[in-house]
Amino acid sequence: MSAAAEIFQRLTGGEVIVIDGGTGTELQALGVPMDEATWSARANLDHLDKLQSLHESYVRAGAQVLIANTFAASRAALGPAGLGDRVAEVNRNAIAAAQRAAAAAGGRPVAVAGSMSPFCPIAMKGRGDEAARADAGDAAAEDPRFPSRADFAEQAALLAEAGADLIALELMESSGYGRAALEAATSTGLPVWLGIGSIRQDDGTLVSDPELGHGESFEDLVASLVRPELAAVNVMHAKASTVPDAIEIIRKRYDGPIGVYAESGDWEAPNWVFNGLGPQEYLREARGWVAQGAQIIGGCCGIRPEHIKALADGLPRRAG
């Protein structure tokens, strides 16, 4: 049985699965410079040794799924940085680094997820004029700041060809590009995790960050994007305080595995500020999520190997 098949079997049986923590933020902590244009993606070309070492640290901490460093590796993100001709290399290198780390787990099943997101630092910051965007693919259907359908389709195919076990859609904060990403990911035939994040409280209602989407309510995003055939629906890159309400909203519309990988700290582009929850504080929050029925638990920005070890050692084996 493959690592992915074994992990999905455990989820079907109601078990809790621990995944990794932040990749880009931890690369930063290891001294890898964060690129103004591509954030952590350039590490797939210049710092593969540190990337693999980071993945291995998460495996040693107890992670059962590694999310490859492809979050910022779409053509929309890489093109404006002059790396449009290296999109395939960036994505393949990232999957290979995670696979090598998974193979070092000594027989314990560790699956590798390929990440796709709308993250495009230059365009989102308003630094991407028409000349800079010329290498970034065709214009997005609803918002030219973000990857287009062609960008998502290209990256999904690359991740599948490189041998990813599943595709983790991350930071899906708009029903527009979210549907385009879902279409691309599901076309590969791989299991797909949907991740909705960057949510915040607004007069008691959870809403997405308008800088990353259109300020849609979390409930509307779930209604628009959740499909029964999804392998999991995740709350990710969100403050811990927003997670309990988000889990309840998802459960109203989805019967499959729910995951949580929250953030901890603050973003000061292009770097992360590590001023958030410590490992035991994060574990206390995560125990509450598991009690609500969440089965996939890990971390996003600011969550480090020591947090993942606390989860692996301290979470109950089964959800609920």
Protein backbone atom coordinates (compact mmCIF):
# COMPACT_ATOMS: atom_id res chain seq x y z
CA MET A 1 0.00 0.00 0.00
CA SER A 2 1.34 3.43 -0.91
CA ALA A 3 1.96 6.07 1.74
CA ALA A 4 -0.92 8.16 0.43
CA ALA A 5 -3.32 5.20 0.37
CA GLU A 6 -2.42 4.29 3.95
CA ILE A 7 -2.94 7.85 5.15
CA PHE A 8 -6.31 8.13 3.41
CA GLN A 9 -7.32 4.80 4.91
CA ARG A 10 -6.50 6.15 8.37
CA LEU A 11 -8.58 9.25 7.71
CA THR A 12 -11.49 7.10 6.61
CA GLY A 13 -11.16 5.24 9.90
CA GLY A 14 -11.47 8.47 11.89
CA GLU A 15 -7.80 8.77 12.87
CA VAL A 16 -5.94 12.05 13.30
CA ILE A 17 -3.13 12.75 10.82
CA VAL A 18 -0.33 15.20 11.61
CA ILE A 19 1.06 17.16 8.68
CA ASP A 20 4.00 19.55 8.51
CA GLY A 21 4.31 23.19 9.51
CA GLY A 22 5.28 26.33 7.65
CA THR A 23 7.78 25.92 4.81
CA GLY A 24 8.53 29.43 3.57
CA THR A 25 8.67 30.92 7.05
CA GLU A 26 10.92 28.15 8.33
CA LEU A 27 13.26 28.49 5.35
CA GLN A 28 13.51 32.15 6.33
CA ALA A 29 14.37 31.11 9.90
CA LEU A 30 17.11 28.88 8.49
CA GLY A 31 18.69 31.86 6.77
CA VAL A 32 17.29 31.43 3.27
CA PRO A 33 16.57 34.93 1.92
CA MET A 34 12.94 35.55 1.01
CA ASP A 35 12.70 36.96 -2.50
CA GLU A 36 10.63 40.12 -3.00
CA ALA A 37 9.21 38.65 -6.20
CA THR A 38 8.89 34.93 -5.55
CA TRP A 39 9.01 34.74 -1.74
CA SER A 40 10.12 31.15 -0.92
CA ALA A 41 9.95 29.67 -4.43
CA ARG A 42 13.50 30.66 -5.41
CA ALA A 43 14.77 28.26 -2.75
CA ASN A 44 13.73 25.46 -5.12
CA LEU A 45 16.59 26.61 -7.34
CA ASP A 46 19.19 28.02 -4.96
CA HIS A 47 18.73 26.24 -1.60
CA LEU A 48 17.55 22.70 -2.28
CA ASP A 49 19.77 21.27 0.43
CA LYS A 50 18.15 23.44 3.10
CA LEU A 51 14.68 22.72 1.70
CA GLN A 52 15.20 18.97 1.92
CA SER A 53 16.71 19.30 5.38
CA LEU A 54 13.65 21.27 6.52
CA HIS A 55 11.30 18.58 5.19
CA GLU A 56 13.35 15.95 7.01
CA SER A 57 13.04 17.91 10.26
CA TYR A 58 9.26 17.79 9.91
CA VAL A 59 9.40 14.04 9.24
CA ARG A 60 11.51 13.54 12.38
CA ALA A 61 8.98 15.63 14.31
CA GLY A 62 6.22 13.23 13.28
CA ALA A 63 4.65 14.71 10.13
CA GLN A 64 2.82 12.19 7.97
CA VAL A 65 2.27 14.57 5.04
CA LEU A 66 4.78 17.04 3.59
CA ILE A 67 3.47 19.94 1.53
CA ALA A 68 6.04 20.72 -1.14
CA ASN A 69 7.40 24.24 -1.56
CA THR A 70 5.25 25.09 -4.60
CA PHE A 71 2.92 27.59 -2.90
CA ALA A 72 4.49 30.50 -4.83
CA ALA A 73 5.58 28.53 -7.90
CA SER A 74 2.89 29.29 -10.47
CA ARG A 75 3.83 31.03 -13.72
CA ALA A 76 1.99 34.12 -12.44
CA ALA A 77 4.40 34.30 -9.50
CA LEU A 78 7.60 33.26 -11.28
CA GLY A 79 7.12 35.10 -14.58
CA PRO A 80 7.46 38.66 -13.27
CA ALA A 81 10.69 37.61 -11.52
CA GLY A 82 12.19 36.51 -14.83
CA LEU A 83 11.78 32.81 -14.03
CA GLY A 84 9.02 32.00 -16.47
CA ASP A 85 11.29 29.62 -18.38
CA ARG A 86 11.99 27.67 -15.16
CA VAL A 87 8.44 26.99 -13.95
CA ALA A 88 8.76 23.25 -14.58
CA GLU A 89 12.17 23.09 -12.87
CA VAL A 90 10.98 24.98 -9.80
CA ASN A 91 7.98 22.69 -9.31
CA ARG A 92 9.81 19.43 -10.04
CA ASN A 93 12.68 20.32 -7.72
CA ALA A 94 10.25 21.02 -4.89
CA ILE A 95 8.43 17.71 -5.25
CA ALA A 96 11.72 15.81 -5.51
CA ALA A 97 13.09 17.43 -2.34
CA ALA A 98 9.97 16.45 -0.40
CA GLN A 99 10.06 12.93 -1.85
CA ARG A 100 13.67 12.47 -0.78
CA ALA A 101 12.77 13.59 2.73
CA ALA A 102 9.78 11.24 2.81
CA ALA A 103 11.99 8.36 1.71
CA ALA A 104 14.26 9.06 4.67
CA ALA A 105 11.40 8.32 7.09
CA GLY A 106 12.60 4.74 7.48
CA GLY A 107 9.50 2.98 6.22
CA ARG A 108 6.94 5.13 8.04
CA PRO A 109 4.33 6.29 5.49
CA VAL A 110 4.82 9.95 4.52
CA ALA A 111 2.86 11.39 1.60
CA VAL A 112 3.86 14.41 -0.51
CA ALA A 113 1.34 17.07 -1.47
CA GLY A 114 1.88 19.56 -4.25
CA SER A 115 0.65 23.03 -3.27
CA MET A 116 -1.17 25.45 -5.56
CA SER A 117 -2.21 28.93 -4.49
CA PRO A 118 -3.06 32.34 -5.97
CA PHE A 119 0.00 33.84 -4.27
CA CYS A 120 1.73 36.32 -6.57
CA PRO A 121 3.76 38.88 -4.59
CA ILE A 122 4.67 41.31 -7.37
CA ALA A 123 1.16 41.58 -8.77
CA MET A 124 -0.48 41.71 -5.34
CA LYS A 125 1.83 44.53 -4.30
CA GLY A 126 1.07 46.55 -7.41
CA ARG A 127 4.63 46.23 -8.72
CA GLY A 128 3.70 44.15 -11.74
CA ASP A 129 3.18 46.44 -14.71
CA GLU A 130 2.24 45.08 -18.14
CA ALA A 131 5.86 44.51 -19.15
CA ALA A 132 6.63 42.60 -15.98
CA ARG A 133 3.49 40.49 -16.40
CA ALA A 134 4.23 39.61 -20.02
CA ASP A 135 5.80 36.30 -19.01
CA ALA A 136 3.12 35.48 -16.44
CA GLY A 137 0.53 33.73 -18.59
CA ASP A 138 -2.86 34.93 -19.82
CA ALA A 139 -4.99 37.27 -17.75
CA ALA A 140 -7.01 35.73 -14.94
CA ALA A 141 -10.73 35.37 -15.58
CA GLU A 142 -11.78 37.62 -12.70
CA ASP A 143 -8.68 39.36 -11.36
CA PRO A 144 -5.42 39.82 -13.29
CA ARG A 145 -3.45 39.93 -10.02
CA PHE A 146 -3.79 36.17 -9.66
CA PRO A 147 -2.95 33.01 -11.63
CA SER A 148 -5.13 32.32 -14.64
CA ARG A 149 -6.84 29.06 -15.55
CA ALA A 150 -3.88 28.28 -17.79
CA ASP A 151 -1.43 28.96 -14.94
CA PHE A 152 -3.30 26.61 -12.60
CA ALA A 153 -3.63 23.95 -15.29
CA GLU A 154 0.08 24.10 -16.08
CA GLN A 155 1.13 23.81 -12.46
CA ALA A 156 -1.32 21.01 -11.65
CA ALA A 157 0.00 18.96 -14.56
CA LEU A 158 3.61 19.57 -13.47
CA LEU A 159 2.88 18.48 -9.90
CA ALA A 160 1.15 15.31 -11.08
CA GLU A 161 3.96 14.47 -13.52
CA ALA A 162 6.54 14.99 -10.77
CA GLY A 163 4.82 12.34 -8.64
CA ALA A 164 2.84 14.29 -6.02
CA ASP A 165 0.50 12.04 -4.05
CA LEU A 166 -2.18 14.72 -3.82
CA ILE A 167 -2.74 18.40 -4.57
CA ALA A 168 -3.31 20.84 -1.72
CA LEU A 169 -5.08 23.97 -2.85
CA GLU A 170 -4.10 26.73 -0.46
CA LEU A 171 -5.30 30.25 0.26
CA MET A 172 -8.40 29.91 -1.90
CA GLU A 173 -10.05 33.21 -0.95
CA SER A 174 -12.11 33.89 -4.06
CA SER A 175 -14.81 31.74 -5.61
CA GLY A 176 -13.52 32.90 -9.01
CA TYR A 177 -9.93 31.68 -8.96
CA GLY A 178 -10.93 28.98 -6.47
CA ARG A 179 -13.11 27.30 -9.09
CA ALA A 180 -10.33 27.58 -11.67
CA ALA A 181 -7.85 25.96 -9.29
CA LEU A 182 -10.31 23.18 -8.41
CA GLU A 183 -10.89 22.43 -12.08
CA ALA A 184 -7.16 22.19 -12.75
CA ALA A 185 -6.41 20.08 -9.68
CA THR A 186 -9.24 17.60 -10.17
CA SER A 187 -8.34 17.14 -13.85
CA THR A 188 -5.12 15.38 -12.75
CA GLY A 189 -7.06 12.55 -11.11
CA LEU A 190 -5.14 13.05 -7.86
CA PRO A 191 -6.90 13.50 -4.49
CA VAL A 192 -7.50 17.20 -3.83
CA TRP A 193 -7.45 19.09 -0.53
CA LEU A 194 -9.21 22.45 -0.54
CA GLY A 195 -7.64 25.03 1.78
CA ILE A 196 -9.42 28.27 2.65
CA GLY A 197 -7.49 30.73 4.77
CA SER A 198 -6.58 34.31 5.64
CA ILE A 199 -9.99 34.63 7.25
CA ARG A 200 -10.77 37.22 9.90
CA GLN A 201 -13.63 38.22 12.14
CA ASP A 202 -15.76 41.09 10.82
CA ASP A 203 -18.63 41.99 13.17
CA GLY A 204 -18.86 38.35 14.18
CA THR A 205 -18.76 37.02 10.61
CA LEU A 206 -15.78 35.20 9.12
CA VAL A 207 -14.65 36.86 5.89
CA SER A 208 -11.73 36.35 3.54
CA ASP A 209 -8.95 38.90 3.24
CA PRO A 210 -9.99 41.33 0.45
CA GLU A 211 -6.34 41.63 -0.62
CA LEU A 212 -6.38 37.94 -1.55
CA GLY A 213 -9.89 37.72 -2.95
CA HIS A 214 -13.03 39.79 -2.88
CA GLY A 215 -13.80 39.92 0.82
CA GLU A 216 -16.31 37.08 0.51
CA SER A 217 -17.73 35.54 3.65
CA PHE A 218 -16.19 32.26 4.68
CA GLU A 219 -19.62 30.66 4.55
CA ASP A 220 -20.15 31.81 0.95
CA LEU A 221 -16.70 30.52 -0.05
CA VAL A 222 -17.45 27.12 1.46
CA ALA A 223 -20.82 27.01 -0.31
CA SER A 224 -19.20 27.93 -3.62
CA LEU A 225 -16.09 25.74 -3.52
CA VAL A 226 -16.76 22.64 -1.44
CA ARG A 227 -17.47 19.47 -3.44
CA PRO A 228 -18.38 16.03 -2.05
CA GLU A 229 -15.51 14.45 -3.99
CA LEU A 230 -12.82 16.51 -2.23
CA ALA A 231 -10.42 14.42 -0.18
CA ALA A 232 -10.39 17.04 2.60
CA VAL A 233 -11.37 20.63 3.33
CA ASN A 234 -8.82 22.59 5.37
CA VAL A 235 -8.82 25.80 7.36
CA MET A 236 -5.32 27.15 6.79
CA HIS A 237 -3.24 30.31 7.16
CA ALA A 238 -5.78 31.60 9.69
CA LYS A 239 -5.49 32.83 13.26
CA ALA A 240 -6.26 30.13 15.80
CA SER A 241 -9.15 32.15 17.21
CA THR A 242 -11.10 31.90 13.93
CA VAL A 243 -10.77 28.13 13.56
CA PRO A 244 -13.63 26.78 15.74
CA ASP A 245 -16.28 28.79 13.88
CA ALA A 246 -14.73 27.84 10.53
CA ILE A 247 -14.87 24.12 11.38
CA GLU A 248 -18.57 24.41 12.20
CA ILE A 249 -19.30 26.17 8.90
CA ILE A 250 -17.46 23.51 6.89
CA ARG A 251 -19.19 20.63 8.68
CA LYS A 252 -22.61 21.97 7.65
CA ARG A 253 -21.72 21.36 4.00
CA TYR A 254 -19.08 18.63 3.97
CA ASP A 255 -19.01 15.14 5.46
CA GLY A 256 -15.38 14.25 4.70
CA PRO A 257 -12.14 14.91 6.61
CA ILE A 258 -11.61 18.44 7.89
CA GLY A 259 -8.12 19.76 8.47
CA VAL A 260 -6.57 22.73 10.25
CA TYR A 261 -3.16 24.27 9.78
CA ALA A 262 -3.25 27.71 11.33
CA GLU A 263 -0.68 30.48 11.31
CA SER A 264 1.10 32.06 14.26
CA GLY A 265 2.83 35.42 14.06
CA ASP A 266 2.70 38.31 11.60
CA TRP A 267 3.72 39.07 8.01
CA GLU A 268 6.02 41.98 7.19
CA ALA A 269 6.79 41.40 3.50
CA PRO A 270 8.85 39.58 2.49
CA ASN A 271 9.52 38.12 5.96
CA TRP A 272 7.55 36.48 8.74
CA VAL A 273 7.69 37.75 12.33
CA PHE A 274 7.79 34.84 14.81
CA ASN A 275 5.83 36.38 17.67
CA GLY A 276 2.95 33.93 18.03
CA LEU A 277 1.92 30.81 19.91
CA GLY A 278 4.52 28.48 21.38
CA PRO A 279 4.33 24.70 20.81
CA GLN A 280 2.31 23.89 23.93
CA GLU A 281 -0.05 26.82 23.39
CA TYR A 282 -0.64 25.66 19.82
CA LEU A 283 -1.20 22.09 21.01
CA ARG A 284 -3.90 23.28 23.41
CA GLU A 285 -5.69 25.00 20.53
CA ALA A 286 -5.30 21.94 18.30
CA ARG A 287 -6.81 19.62 20.90
CA GLY A 288 -9.94 21.72 20.72
CA TRP A 289 -10.05 21.39 16.93
CA VAL A 290 -9.69 17.62 17.17
CA ALA A 291 -12.50 17.55 19.73
CA GLN A 292 -14.65 19.29 17.09
CA GLY A 293 -13.85 16.52 14.63
CA ALA A 294 -10.83 17.87 12.73
CA GLN A 295 -8.57 15.01 11.57
CA ILE A 296 -5.74 16.69 9.67
CA ILE A 297 -3.66 18.92 11.94
CA GLY A 298 -0.48 20.82 11.18
CA GLY A 299 0.66 24.39 10.80
CA CYS A 300 1.14 27.19 8.32
CA CYS A 301 3.29 30.33 8.59
CA GLY A 302 5.17 30.59 11.87
CA ILE A 303 4.51 26.98 12.91
CA ARG A 304 7.84 25.21 13.29
CA PRO A 305 9.15 21.64 13.71
CA GLU A 306 8.88 21.92 17.49
CA HIS A 307 5.16 22.73 17.12
CA ILE A 308 4.68 19.65 14.92
CA LYS A 309 6.48 17.46 17.45
CA ALA A 310 4.15 18.75 20.17
CA LEU A 311 1.18 17.83 17.97
CA ALA A 312 2.54 14.38 17.12
CA ASP A 313 3.23 13.64 20.79
CA GLY A 314 0.19 15.29 22.33
CA LEU A 315 -2.86 14.92 20.09
CA PRO A 316 -5.38 12.11 20.59
CA ARG A 317 -5.26 9.35 18.01
CA ARG A 318 -8.87 9.80 16.93
CA ALA A 319 -11.02 12.87 16.31
CA GLY A 320 -14.16 13.77 18.21
